[in-house]
Amino acid sequence: MSEIEPLIRQVLSECGMPPIDTQQEPWAVARDISLAMRDGTLPISPGADFLIAQLAAKCGYPPEITQLMILIDDWEAIQITPPTDDELRAHAGKIAEVAEMRSTHMPPLA
């Protein structure tokens, strides 16, 4: 986390997005990161890295984050056409929806 979190904070700052409070409950952080990925305000690579490396375990390895990891790992292992940004952003949207349902400390999406 010490390597990934500063990068995410820097990217968010450069995009004009307020920093994500990573001290929130894990599902709230997953929601904020996946929404930023979905909306294109956070580049996919650092967002996916953070979701997989830092939040998957804290969220109990939910299938949505695991599927994102498999999508990326399969592409890297097989070396076929990588998933498109649109596919990855759509998947990030699914993670945000699940995070909203599982989080207990946030208002619903508008």
Protein backbone atom coordinates (compact mmCIF):
# COMPACT_ATOMS: atom_id res chain seq x y z
CA MET A 1 0.00 0.00 0.00
CA SER A 2 2.89 2.35 0.68
CA GLU A 3 3.76 2.32 -3.02
CA ILE A 4 0.27 2.36 -4.57
CA GLU A 5 -1.57 4.84 -2.35
CA PRO A 6 0.66 7.86 -3.12
CA LEU A 7 0.31 7.17 -6.85
CA ILE A 8 -3.48 7.08 -6.61
CA ARG A 9 -3.52 10.27 -4.56
CA GLN A 10 -1.29 11.99 -7.14
CA VAL A 11 -3.41 10.85 -10.09
CA LEU A 12 -6.61 11.97 -8.38
CA SER A 13 -5.07 15.33 -7.56
CA GLU A 14 -3.89 15.84 -11.14
CA CYS A 15 -7.41 14.99 -12.38
CA GLY A 16 -8.93 17.58 -10.08
CA MET A 17 -10.73 14.91 -8.07
CA PRO A 18 -10.73 15.13 -4.30
CA PRO A 19 -8.51 12.52 -2.70
CA ILE A 20 -10.06 9.23 -1.74
CA ASP A 21 -9.99 8.66 1.98
CA THR A 22 -8.38 5.24 2.25
CA GLN A 23 -9.10 5.20 5.98
CA GLN A 24 -12.79 4.57 5.28
CA GLU A 25 -14.17 1.07 5.52
CA PRO A 26 -12.81 -1.11 2.66
CA TRP A 27 -16.09 -1.23 0.72
CA ALA A 28 -16.35 2.57 0.78
CA VAL A 29 -12.82 2.85 -0.61
CA ALA A 30 -13.62 0.19 -3.25
CA ARG A 31 -16.70 2.17 -4.26
CA ASP A 32 -14.81 5.45 -4.59
CA ILE A 33 -11.97 3.91 -6.58
CA SER A 34 -14.20 1.87 -8.87
CA LEU A 35 -16.45 4.89 -9.54
CA ALA A 36 -13.39 6.98 -10.44
CA MET A 37 -12.21 4.19 -12.76
CA ARG A 38 -15.66 3.85 -14.33
CA ASP A 39 -15.95 7.59 -14.89
CA GLY A 40 -12.45 7.83 -16.32
CA THR A 41 -11.17 10.21 -13.64
CA LEU A 42 -8.74 7.59 -12.35
CA PRO A 43 -6.57 5.67 -14.80
CA ILE A 44 -7.52 2.01 -14.91
CA SER A 45 -4.13 0.51 -14.10
CA PRO A 46 -3.47 2.15 -10.71
CA GLY A 47 -7.14 1.79 -9.75
CA ALA A 48 -7.20 -1.92 -10.62
CA ASP A 49 -3.89 -2.45 -8.85
CA PHE A 50 -5.27 -0.86 -5.68
CA LEU A 51 -8.52 -2.82 -5.82
CA ILE A 52 -6.71 -6.11 -6.32
CA ALA A 53 -3.64 -5.64 -4.12
CA GLN A 54 -5.10 -3.64 -1.24
CA LEU A 55 -8.85 -4.16 -1.10
CA ALA A 56 -9.65 -7.67 -2.32
CA ALA A 57 -8.65 -9.32 0.95
CA LYS A 58 -10.17 -6.57 3.12
CA CYS A 59 -13.48 -7.00 1.27
CA GLY A 60 -13.40 -10.80 1.58
CA TYR A 61 -12.29 -11.55 -2.00
CA PRO A 62 -15.63 -10.66 -3.60
CA PRO A 63 -16.25 -12.21 -7.01
CA GLU A 64 -16.42 -8.79 -8.66
CA ILE A 65 -12.85 -7.86 -7.71
CA THR A 66 -11.69 -11.43 -8.34
CA GLN A 67 -13.21 -11.28 -11.84
CA LEU A 68 -11.32 -8.05 -12.53
CA MET A 69 -8.11 -9.76 -11.46
CA ILE A 70 -8.86 -12.78 -13.68
CA LEU A 71 -9.69 -10.52 -16.63
CA ILE A 72 -6.29 -8.82 -16.32
CA ASP A 73 -4.34 -12.00 -15.44
CA ASP A 74 -5.84 -14.00 -18.32
CA TRP A 75 -4.85 -11.31 -20.77
CA GLU A 76 -1.30 -11.15 -19.42
CA ALA A 77 -0.93 -14.96 -19.37
CA ILE A 78 -2.40 -15.68 -22.78
CA GLN A 79 -1.12 -12.55 -24.55
CA ILE A 80 -4.23 -12.15 -26.65
CA THR A 81 -6.11 -8.95 -27.23
CA PRO A 82 -6.28 -7.05 -23.95
CA PRO A 83 -9.63 -6.04 -22.50
CA THR A 84 -10.69 -2.62 -23.72
CA ASP A 85 -10.85 0.37 -21.42
CA ASP A 86 -14.62 0.32 -21.84
CA GLU A 87 -14.77 -3.32 -20.66
CA LEU A 88 -12.62 -2.52 -17.63
CA ARG A 89 -14.62 0.61 -16.82
CA ALA A 90 -17.89 -1.35 -17.09
CA HIS A 91 -16.50 -3.93 -14.70
CA ALA A 92 -15.44 -1.14 -12.32
CA GLY A 93 -19.06 0.04 -12.40
CA LYS A 94 -20.17 -3.42 -11.26
CA ILE A 95 -17.71 -3.25 -8.37
CA ALA A 96 -19.10 0.17 -7.39
CA GLU A 97 -22.66 -1.20 -7.34
CA VAL A 98 -21.68 -4.12 -5.11
CA ALA A 99 -19.60 -1.83 -2.88
CA GLU A 100 -22.58 0.45 -2.41
CA MET A 101 -24.76 -2.48 -1.33
CA ARG A 102 -22.15 -3.80 1.09
CA SER A 103 -20.99 -0.53 2.60
CA THR A 104 -22.71 0.56 5.75
CA HIS A 105 -21.34 4.09 6.01
CA MET A 106 -22.31 5.90 2.83
CA PRO A 107 -25.29 7.44 1.12
CA PRO A 108 -26.63 5.66 -1.98
CA LEU A 109 -25.43 6.64 -5.44
CA ALA A 110 -27.42 9.47 -7.00
